[in-house]
Amino acid sequence: MPQIHPTAIIESGAEIAASASIGPYCHVGARVVLGEGVELLSHVVVAGRTSVGEGTRIFPFASIGQPPQDLKYAGEDSSLIIGKHNIIREYVTMNPGTAGGGMATRIGDHCLFMANAHVGHDCQLGDHIIMANSVPLAGHVVVGDHAAFGGLAAVHQFVRIGMHAYVGGLTGVERDVIPYGLVMGDRARLSGLNMVGLQRRGFSRDDIQALRAAYQMLFENGGGTLAERVDAVAARYGQVKPVRDIVAFMRADNARGFVQPKSNGA
């Protein structure tokens, strides 16, 4: 039997797992699904067609599953799918998808969303992502596993953030960020590789050396087009998985271009 505070409002039709806990003054909509061990601390609103995975904790005043902030949204029956063991802190907002973006916003497992973070409509987030305080993702953003964002960073719609990338605080990201990349600045500039993240997650010295060499070929040595440099990196270092991740990312469909280093003359 779930623990439900007497001041909480649970609309008829909501599916609440037996081990879930719903604190004071929460409001859970009729089409919400809360998995085992989900905890809504207090004053949390979960609306719409939203599912929350096992062990996720949602802190006071978060607003989850309300209609998208998209003027094209016409009330379509879209969804918000939140994975397992996430931490969603105070005043976080997450919106469901739209007809123009596949009808679903998806959040992976083991992510941390600090206070005031926002996940816009149709975003697709992987696992182990960290969004620091007041980080907004616009609609249709894709974020790979283990990516992290410093406080007050902001991401433009349709941008992709590669796995293990790090976006510095106060950075505005208007273009795609390669996997394992480090971007910083008022308008994001590629500042190298996320070496701290690579070392913390136990990447081997050989993999890190290969990544450094590949990065130099792509962004520092010049010569040829970017597509030609990607092909050269794939030919020389294609046996190294992290390099293959970058190559696959850069060969995929790309609507926004890539964040690149500041030119020598800038």
C-alpha atoms as a PDB file:
ATOM      1  CA  MET A   1       0.000   0.000   0.000  1.00  0.00           C
ATOM      2  CA  PRO A   2       1.559   3.363  -0.997  1.00  0.00           C
ATOM      3  CA  GLN A   3       2.124   5.976   1.679  1.00  0.00           C
ATOM      4  CA  ILE A   4      -0.039   8.959   0.725  1.00  0.00           C
ATOM      5  CA  HIS A   5      -0.305  12.028   2.913  1.00  0.00           C
ATOM      6  CA  PRO A   6      -3.924  13.031   3.598  1.00  0.00           C
ATOM      7  CA  THR A   7      -3.395  16.472   2.033  1.00  0.00           C
ATOM      8  CA  ALA A   8      -2.227  15.004  -1.307  1.00  0.00           C
ATOM      9  CA  ILE A   9      -4.640  14.913  -4.244  1.00  0.00           C
ATOM     10  CA  ILE A  10      -4.552  11.748  -6.338  1.00  0.00           C
ATOM     11  CA  GLU A  11      -6.877  11.802  -9.327  1.00  0.00           C
ATOM     12  CA  SER A  12      -8.854   8.686 -10.183  1.00  0.00           C
ATOM     13  CA  GLY A  13      -6.982   6.539 -12.707  1.00  0.00           C
ATOM     14  CA  ALA A  14      -3.450   7.250 -11.466  1.00  0.00           C
ATOM     15  CA  GLU A  15      -1.311   4.117 -11.043  1.00  0.00           C
ATOM     16  CA  ILE A  16       0.717   4.227  -7.843  1.00  0.00           C
ATOM     17  CA  ALA A  17       3.092   1.375  -6.937  1.00  0.00           C
ATOM     18  CA  ALA A  18       2.719  -0.191  -3.514  1.00  0.00           C
ATOM     19  CA  SER A  19       6.072   1.124  -2.259  1.00  0.00           C
ATOM     20  CA  ALA A  20       5.670   4.674  -3.574  1.00  0.00           C
ATOM     21  CA  SER A  21       5.453   7.621  -1.182  1.00  0.00           C
ATOM     22  CA  ILE A  22       3.508  10.843  -1.786  1.00  0.00           C
ATOM     23  CA  GLY A  23       4.042  13.700   0.635  1.00  0.00           C
ATOM     24  CA  PRO A  24       1.969  16.698   1.712  1.00  0.00           C
ATOM     25  CA  TYR A  25       0.125  18.819  -0.855  1.00  0.00           C
ATOM     26  CA  CYS A  26       1.237  16.860  -3.919  1.00  0.00           C
ATOM     27  CA  HIS A  27      -1.078  16.588  -6.931  1.00  0.00           C
ATOM     28  CA  VAL A  28      -0.936  13.490  -9.141  1.00  0.00           C
ATOM     29  CA  GLY A  29      -2.923  13.443 -12.372  1.00  0.00           C
ATOM     30  CA  ALA A  30      -5.254  10.758 -13.651  1.00  0.00           C
ATOM     31  CA  ARG A  31      -2.848   9.309 -16.234  1.00  0.00           C
ATOM     32  CA  VAL A  32       0.309   9.342 -14.153  1.00  0.00           C
ATOM     33  CA  VAL A  33       2.209   6.142 -13.376  1.00  0.00           C
ATOM     34  CA  LEU A  34       4.547   6.107 -10.363  1.00  0.00           C
ATOM     35  CA  GLY A  35       6.879   3.097 -10.100  1.00  0.00           C
ATOM     36  CA  GLU A  36       8.138   1.200  -7.067  1.00  0.00           C
ATOM     37  CA  GLY A  37       9.936   3.321  -4.508  1.00  0.00           C
ATOM     38  CA  VAL A  38       9.122   6.636  -6.191  1.00  0.00           C
ATOM     39  CA  GLU A  39       9.031   9.461  -3.657  1.00  0.00           C
ATOM     40  CA  LEU A  40       7.282  12.806  -4.062  1.00  0.00           C
ATOM     41  CA  LEU A  41       8.476  14.790  -1.059  1.00  0.00           C
ATOM     42  CA  SER A  42       5.869  17.571  -0.899  1.00  0.00           C
ATOM     43  CA  HIS A  43       4.130  20.165  -3.096  1.00  0.00           C
ATOM     44  CA  VAL A  44       5.028  18.220  -6.252  1.00  0.00           C
ATOM     45  CA  VAL A  45       2.743  18.323  -9.301  1.00  0.00           C
ATOM     46  CA  VAL A  46       2.875  15.403 -11.735  1.00  0.00           C
ATOM     47  CA  ALA A  47       0.457  15.825 -14.613  1.00  0.00           C
ATOM     48  CA  GLY A  48      -0.390  14.530 -18.075  1.00  0.00           C
ATOM     49  CA  ARG A  49       0.615  11.185 -19.502  1.00  0.00           C
ATOM     50  CA  THR A  50       3.716  10.834 -17.341  1.00  0.00           C
ATOM     51  CA  SER A  51       5.504   7.754 -16.036  1.00  0.00           C
ATOM     52  CA  VAL A  52       8.143   7.935 -13.308  1.00  0.00           C
ATOM     53  CA  GLY A  53      10.534   5.016 -12.932  1.00  0.00           C
ATOM     54  CA  GLU A  54      11.532   3.046  -9.870  1.00  0.00           C
ATOM     55  CA  GLY A  55      13.379   4.810  -7.082  1.00  0.00           C
ATOM     56  CA  THR A  56      13.112   8.329  -8.488  1.00  0.00           C
ATOM     57  CA  ARG A  57      12.858  11.129  -5.907  1.00  0.00           C
ATOM     58  CA  ILE A  58      11.123  14.416  -6.733  1.00  0.00           C
ATOM     59  CA  PHE A  59      11.599  17.377  -4.409  1.00  0.00           C
ATOM     60  CA  PRO A  60       9.203  20.203  -3.458  1.00  0.00           C
ATOM     61  CA  PHE A  61       7.638  22.482  -6.045  1.00  0.00           C
ATOM     62  CA  ALA A  62       8.776  20.501  -9.084  1.00  0.00           C
ATOM     63  CA  SER A  63       6.289  20.640 -11.965  1.00  0.00           C
ATOM     64  CA  ILE A  64       6.419  17.495 -14.063  1.00  0.00           C
ATOM     65  CA  GLY A  65       4.399  16.702 -17.184  1.00  0.00           C
ATOM     66  CA  GLN A  66       2.525  19.961 -17.699  1.00  0.00           C
ATOM     67  CA  PRO A  67       1.797  20.961 -21.350  1.00  0.00           C
ATOM     68  CA  PRO A  68       4.822  21.996 -23.453  1.00  0.00           C
ATOM     69  CA  GLN A  69       5.867  25.624 -23.786  1.00  0.00           C
ATOM     70  CA  ASP A  70       5.405  25.392 -27.548  1.00  0.00           C
ATOM     71  CA  LEU A  71       2.850  27.536 -29.380  1.00  0.00           C
ATOM     72  CA  LYS A  72       2.430  24.750 -31.954  1.00  0.00           C
ATOM     73  CA  TYR A  73       1.247  22.310 -29.291  1.00  0.00           C
ATOM     74  CA  ALA A  74      -2.434  21.585 -29.935  1.00  0.00           C
ATOM     75  CA  GLY A  75      -3.260  19.289 -27.040  1.00  0.00           C
ATOM     76  CA  GLU A  76      -1.961  16.086 -28.641  1.00  0.00           C
ATOM     77  CA  ASP A  77      -1.771  13.071 -26.338  1.00  0.00           C
ATOM     78  CA  SER A  78       1.987  13.103 -25.892  1.00  0.00           C
ATOM     79  CA  SER A  79       3.995  11.648 -23.029  1.00  0.00           C
ATOM     80  CA  LEU A  80       6.861  12.198 -20.598  1.00  0.00           C
ATOM     81  CA  ILE A  81       8.840   9.075 -19.697  1.00  0.00           C
ATOM     82  CA  ILE A  82      11.209   9.337 -16.733  1.00  0.00           C
ATOM     83  CA  GLY A  83      13.555   6.458 -15.979  1.00  0.00           C
ATOM     84  CA  LYS A  84      14.790   4.889 -12.739  1.00  0.00           C
ATOM     85  CA  HIS A  85      16.664   6.296  -9.749  1.00  0.00           C
ATOM     86  CA  ASN A  86      16.679   9.914 -10.829  1.00  0.00           C
ATOM     87  CA  ILE A  87      16.913  12.878  -8.452  1.00  0.00           C
ATOM     88  CA  ILE A  88      14.715  15.819  -9.451  1.00  0.00           C
ATOM     89  CA  ARG A  89      15.264  18.797  -7.170  1.00  0.00           C
ATOM     90  CA  GLU A  90      13.221  21.865  -6.275  1.00  0.00           C
ATOM     91  CA  TYR A  91      11.386  23.827  -8.982  1.00  0.00           C
ATOM     92  CA  VAL A  92      12.517  21.546 -11.818  1.00  0.00           C
ATOM     93  CA  THR A  93      10.162  21.535 -14.815  1.00  0.00           C
ATOM     94  CA  MET A  94       9.844  18.799 -17.449  1.00  0.00           C
ATOM     95  CA  ASN A  95       7.441  18.834 -20.393  1.00  0.00           C
ATOM     96  CA  PRO A  96       6.026  16.033 -22.565  1.00  0.00           C
ATOM     97  CA  GLY A  97       6.559  15.729 -26.299  1.00  0.00           C
ATOM     98  CA  THR A  98       4.727  17.180 -29.283  1.00  0.00           C
ATOM     99  CA  ALA A  99       3.527  15.975 -32.658  1.00  0.00           C
ATOM    100  CA  GLY A 100       6.510  17.685 -34.251  1.00  0.00           C
ATOM    101  CA  GLY A 101       9.051  15.777 -32.192  1.00  0.00           C
ATOM    102  CA  GLY A 102       7.912  12.176 -31.868  1.00  0.00           C
ATOM    103  CA  MET A 103       5.268  12.699 -29.143  1.00  0.00           C
ATOM    104  CA  ALA A 104       7.560  11.827 -26.233  1.00  0.00           C
ATOM    105  CA  THR A 105      10.157  13.376 -23.953  1.00  0.00           C
ATOM    106  CA  ARG A 106      12.433  10.722 -22.436  1.00  0.00           C
ATOM    107  CA  ILE A 107      14.720  10.835 -19.404  1.00  0.00           C
ATOM    108  CA  GLY A 108      17.166   7.996 -18.729  1.00  0.00           C
ATOM    109  CA  ASP A 109      18.286   6.484 -15.412  1.00  0.00           C
ATOM    110  CA  HIS A 110      20.450   7.775 -12.546  1.00  0.00           C
ATOM    111  CA  CYS A 111      20.313  11.439 -13.580  1.00  0.00           C
ATOM    112  CA  LEU A 112      20.528  14.480 -11.299  1.00  0.00           C
ATOM    113  CA  PHE A 113      18.511  17.604 -12.062  1.00  0.00           C
ATOM    114  CA  MET A 114      19.412  20.381  -9.636  1.00  0.00           C
ATOM    115  CA  ALA A 115      17.061  23.193  -8.630  1.00  0.00           C
ATOM    116  CA  ASN A 116      15.332  25.173 -11.400  1.00  0.00           C
ATOM    117  CA  ALA A 117      16.559  22.978 -14.262  1.00  0.00           C
ATOM    118  CA  HIS A 118      14.205  22.614 -17.243  1.00  0.00           C
ATOM    119  CA  VAL A 119      13.796  19.817 -19.787  1.00  0.00           C
ATOM    120  CA  GLY A 120      11.812  21.014 -22.794  1.00  0.00           C
ATOM    121  CA  HIS A 121       9.440  19.121 -25.046  1.00  0.00           C
ATOM    122  CA  ASP A 122      10.745  16.203 -27.128  1.00  0.00           C
ATOM    123  CA  CYS A 123      14.153  16.105 -25.426  1.00  0.00           C
ATOM    124  CA  GLN A 124      15.886  12.724 -25.349  1.00  0.00           C
ATOM    125  CA  LEU A 125      18.251  12.259 -22.397  1.00  0.00           C
ATOM    126  CA  GLY A 126      20.484   9.296 -21.630  1.00  0.00           C
ATOM    127  CA  ASP A 127      21.720   7.945 -18.296  1.00  0.00           C
ATOM    128  CA  HIS A 128      23.897   9.469 -15.535  1.00  0.00           C
ATOM    129  CA  ILE A 129      23.388  13.050 -16.736  1.00  0.00           C
ATOM    130  CA  ILE A 130      23.987  15.951 -14.340  1.00  0.00           C
ATOM    131  CA  MET A 131      22.251  19.297 -14.870  1.00  0.00           C
ATOM    132  CA  ALA A 132      23.320  21.895 -12.310  1.00  0.00           C
ATOM    133  CA  ASN A 133      21.125  24.716 -11.024  1.00  0.00           C
ATOM    134  CA  SER A 134      19.041  26.701 -13.523  1.00  0.00           C
ATOM    135  CA  VAL A 135      20.119  24.820 -16.655  1.00  0.00           C
ATOM    136  CA  PRO A 136      17.409  24.894 -19.365  1.00  0.00           C
ATOM    137  CA  LEU A 137      17.250  22.559 -22.347  1.00  0.00           C
ATOM    138  CA  ALA A 138      15.085  23.869 -25.181  1.00  0.00           C
ATOM    139  CA  GLY A 139      12.908  21.528 -27.226  1.00  0.00           C
ATOM    140  CA  HIS A 140      14.270  18.572 -29.220  1.00  0.00           C
ATOM    141  CA  VAL A 141      17.660  18.504 -27.451  1.00  0.00           C
ATOM    142  CA  VAL A 142      19.485  15.148 -27.349  1.00  0.00           C
ATOM    143  CA  VAL A 143      21.938  14.475 -24.509  1.00  0.00           C
ATOM    144  CA  GLY A 144      24.235  11.438 -24.320  1.00  0.00           C
ATOM    145  CA  ASP A 145      25.123   9.348 -21.279  1.00  0.00           C
ATOM    146  CA  HIS A 146      27.307  10.922 -18.568  1.00  0.00           C
ATOM    147  CA  ALA A 147      27.075  14.446 -19.988  1.00  0.00           C
ATOM    148  CA  ALA A 148      27.194  17.239 -17.397  1.00  0.00           C
ATOM    149  CA  PHE A 149      26.213  20.915 -17.321  1.00  0.00           C
ATOM    150  CA  GLY A 150      27.504  23.678 -15.060  1.00  0.00           C
ATOM    151  CA  GLY A 151      25.108  26.144 -13.475  1.00  0.00           C
ATOM    152  CA  LEU A 152      23.156  28.528 -15.731  1.00  0.00           C
ATOM    153  CA  ALA A 153      24.323  26.874 -18.953  1.00  0.00           C
ATOM    154  CA  ALA A 154      21.626  26.938 -21.641  1.00  0.00           C
ATOM    155  CA  VAL A 155      21.068  24.775 -24.730  1.00  0.00           C
ATOM    156  CA  HIS A 156      19.373  25.831 -27.981  1.00  0.00           C
ATOM    157  CA  GLN A 157      16.640  23.711 -29.550  1.00  0.00           C
ATOM    158  CA  PHE A 158      17.660  20.752 -31.756  1.00  0.00           C
ATOM    159  CA  VAL A 159      21.206  20.718 -30.360  1.00  0.00           C
ATOM    160  CA  ARG A 160      22.940  17.405 -29.563  1.00  0.00           C
ATOM    161  CA  ILE A 161      25.257  17.031 -26.583  1.00  0.00           C
ATOM    162  CA  GLY A 162      27.543  14.010 -26.946  1.00  0.00           C
ATOM    163  CA  MET A 163      28.206  11.388 -24.283  1.00  0.00           C
ATOM    164  CA  HIS A 164      30.695  12.308 -21.543  1.00  0.00           C
ATOM    165  CA  ALA A 165      30.716  15.950 -22.683  1.00  0.00           C
ATOM    166  CA  TYR A 166      30.936  18.808 -20.207  1.00  0.00           C
ATOM    167  CA  VAL A 167      29.262  22.195 -20.699  1.00  0.00           C
ATOM    168  CA  GLY A 168      30.727  24.910 -18.476  1.00  0.00           C
ATOM    169  CA  GLY A 169      28.630  27.197 -16.314  1.00  0.00           C
ATOM    170  CA  LEU A 170      27.033  30.276 -17.931  1.00  0.00           C
ATOM    171  CA  THR A 171      27.673  28.796 -21.389  1.00  0.00           C
ATOM    172  CA  GLY A 172      25.137  29.212 -24.190  1.00  0.00           C
ATOM    173  CA  VAL A 173      25.229  26.229 -26.560  1.00  0.00           C
ATOM    174  CA  GLU A 174      23.929  26.863 -30.075  1.00  0.00           C
ATOM    175  CA  ARG A 175      25.664  23.985 -31.909  1.00  0.00           C
ATOM    176  CA  ASP A 176      26.339  20.298 -31.321  1.00  0.00           C
ATOM    177  CA  VAL A 177      28.972  19.309 -28.752  1.00  0.00           C
ATOM    178  CA  ILE A 178      31.125  16.306 -29.657  1.00  0.00           C
ATOM    179  CA  PRO A 179      31.299  13.328 -27.251  1.00  0.00           C
ATOM    180  CA  TYR A 180      33.992  13.771 -24.589  1.00  0.00           C
ATOM    181  CA  GLY A 181      34.240  17.468 -25.465  1.00  0.00           C
ATOM    182  CA  LEU A 182      34.627  20.388 -23.056  1.00  0.00           C
ATOM    183  CA  VAL A 183      32.865  23.612 -24.051  1.00  0.00           C
ATOM    184  CA  MET A 184      32.977  26.960 -22.273  1.00  0.00           C
ATOM    185  CA  GLY A 185      32.363  30.648 -22.853  1.00  0.00           C
ATOM    186  CA  ASP A 186      29.476  33.072 -23.187  1.00  0.00           C
ATOM    187  CA  ARG A 187      28.818  31.442 -26.557  1.00  0.00           C
ATOM    188  CA  ALA A 188      30.196  27.935 -26.401  1.00  0.00           C
ATOM    189  CA  ARG A 189      33.687  27.299 -27.742  1.00  0.00           C
ATOM    190  CA  LEU A 190      35.353  23.904 -27.755  1.00  0.00           C
ATOM    191  CA  SER A 191      38.149  24.048 -25.174  1.00  0.00           C
ATOM    192  CA  GLY A 192      39.490  20.523 -25.458  1.00  0.00           C
ATOM    193  CA  LEU A 193      38.441  17.182 -24.004  1.00  0.00           C
ATOM    194  CA  ASN A 194      36.613  16.535 -20.739  1.00  0.00           C
ATOM    195  CA  MET A 195      39.762  15.146 -19.130  1.00  0.00           C
ATOM    196  CA  VAL A 196      38.415  15.263 -15.583  1.00  0.00           C
ATOM    197  CA  GLY A 197      35.382  13.217 -16.588  1.00  0.00           C
ATOM    198  CA  LEU A 198      37.495  10.726 -18.531  1.00  0.00           C
ATOM    199  CA  GLN A 199      39.822  10.177 -15.591  1.00  0.00           C
ATOM    200  CA  ARG A 200      37.016   9.918 -13.043  1.00  0.00           C
ATOM    201  CA  ARG A 201      35.245   7.259 -15.101  1.00  0.00           C
ATOM    202  CA  GLY A 202      38.325   5.116 -15.492  1.00  0.00           C
ATOM    203  CA  PHE A 203      39.148   5.465 -19.171  1.00  0.00           C
ATOM    204  CA  SER A 204      42.482   3.861 -19.946  1.00  0.00           C
ATOM    205  CA  ARG A 205      45.611   5.878 -20.703  1.00  0.00           C
ATOM    206  CA  ASP A 206      45.690   4.405 -24.222  1.00  0.00           C
ATOM    207  CA  ASP A 207      42.111   5.502 -24.905  1.00  0.00           C
ATOM    208  CA  ILE A 208      42.815   9.006 -23.595  1.00  0.00           C
ATOM    209  CA  GLN A 209      45.960   9.307 -25.719  1.00  0.00           C
ATOM    210  CA  ALA A 210      44.034   8.182 -28.800  1.00  0.00           C
ATOM    211  CA  LEU A 211      41.303  10.713 -28.048  1.00  0.00           C
ATOM    212  CA  ARG A 212      43.878  13.498 -27.724  1.00  0.00           C
ATOM    213  CA  ALA A 213      45.480  12.568 -31.037  1.00  0.00           C
ATOM    214  CA  ALA A 214      42.085  12.367 -32.748  1.00  0.00           C
ATOM    215  CA  TYR A 215      41.102  15.757 -31.322  1.00  0.00           C
ATOM    216  CA  GLN A 216      44.287  17.317 -32.677  1.00  0.00           C
ATOM    217  CA  MET A 217      43.633  15.878 -36.135  1.00  0.00           C
ATOM    218  CA  LEU A 218      40.068  17.160 -36.112  1.00  0.00           C
ATOM    219  CA  PHE A 219      40.501  20.627 -34.670  1.00  0.00           C
ATOM    220  CA  GLU A 220      44.131  21.693 -34.363  1.00  0.00           C
ATOM    221  CA  ASN A 221      46.224  20.432 -37.277  1.00  0.00           C
ATOM    222  CA  GLY A 222      43.987  21.826 -40.034  1.00  0.00           C
ATOM    223  CA  GLY A 223      44.026  20.722 -43.659  1.00  0.00           C
ATOM    224  CA  GLY A 224      41.087  19.530 -45.716  1.00  0.00           C
ATOM    225  CA  THR A 225      37.421  19.773 -44.891  1.00  0.00           C
ATOM    226  CA  LEU A 226      36.000  18.694 -41.557  1.00  0.00           C
ATOM    227  CA  ALA A 227      34.420  15.654 -43.248  1.00  0.00           C
ATOM    228  CA  GLU A 228      37.819  14.664 -44.645  1.00  0.00           C
ATOM    229  CA  ARG A 229      39.417  15.011 -41.230  1.00  0.00           C
ATOM    230  CA  VAL A 230      36.702  12.829 -39.707  1.00  0.00           C
ATOM    231  CA  ASP A 231      37.450  10.156 -42.319  1.00  0.00           C
ATOM    232  CA  ALA A 232      41.169  10.384 -41.552  1.00  0.00           C
ATOM    233  CA  VAL A 233      40.527   9.974 -37.820  1.00  0.00           C
ATOM    234  CA  ALA A 234      38.294   6.972 -38.477  1.00  0.00           C
ATOM    235  CA  ALA A 235      40.984   5.346 -40.605  1.00  0.00           C
ATOM    236  CA  ARG A 236      43.763   5.882 -38.069  1.00  0.00           C
ATOM    237  CA  TYR A 237      41.973   5.412 -34.735  1.00  0.00           C
ATOM    238  CA  GLY A 238      38.804   3.526 -35.654  1.00  0.00           C
ATOM    239  CA  GLN A 239      39.747   0.615 -33.408  1.00  0.00           C
ATOM    240  CA  VAL A 240      39.379   2.819 -30.294  1.00  0.00           C
ATOM    241  CA  LYS A 241      35.793   2.945 -29.061  1.00  0.00           C
ATOM    242  CA  PRO A 242      35.744   6.527 -27.705  1.00  0.00           C
ATOM    243  CA  VAL A 243      37.103   7.743 -31.053  1.00  0.00           C
ATOM    244  CA  ARG A 244      34.465   5.702 -32.865  1.00  0.00           C
ATOM    245  CA  ASP A 245      31.865   7.471 -30.700  1.00  0.00           C
ATOM    246  CA  ILE A 246      33.085  10.860 -31.938  1.00  0.00           C
ATOM    247  CA  VAL A 247      33.222   9.718 -35.565  1.00  0.00           C
ATOM    248  CA  ALA A 248      29.692   8.287 -35.454  1.00  0.00           C
ATOM    249  CA  PHE A 249      28.402  11.470 -33.803  1.00  0.00           C
ATOM    250  CA  MET A 250      29.992  13.720 -36.423  1.00  0.00           C
ATOM    251  CA  ARG A 251      28.780  11.564 -39.312  1.00  0.00           C
ATOM    252  CA  ALA A 252      25.174  11.562 -38.095  1.00  0.00           C
ATOM    253  CA  ASP A 253      22.567  14.008 -39.353  1.00  0.00           C
ATOM    254  CA  ASN A 254      23.459  17.438 -38.085  1.00  0.00           C
ATOM    255  CA  ALA A 255      21.120  20.420 -38.216  1.00  0.00           C
ATOM    256  CA  ARG A 256      23.094  22.888 -36.113  1.00  0.00           C
ATOM    257  CA  GLY A 257      26.782  22.455 -36.960  1.00  0.00           C
ATOM    258  CA  PHE A 258      29.461  21.744 -34.349  1.00  0.00           C
ATOM    259  CA  VAL A 259      30.932  23.801 -31.542  1.00  0.00           C
ATOM    260  CA  GLN A 260      34.575  24.319 -32.537  1.00  0.00           C
ATOM    261  CA  PRO A 261      37.627  25.942 -30.924  1.00  0.00           C
ATOM    262  CA  LYS A 262      38.137  29.668 -31.131  1.00  0.00           C
ATOM    263  CA  SER A 263      40.266  30.427 -34.176  1.00  0.00           C
ATOM    264  CA  ASN A 264      43.759  31.751 -33.670  1.00  0.00           C
ATOM    265  CA  GLY A 265      42.766  35.096 -35.127  1.00  0.00           C
ATOM    266  CA  ALA A 266      39.622  35.503 -33.002  1.00  0.00           C
END
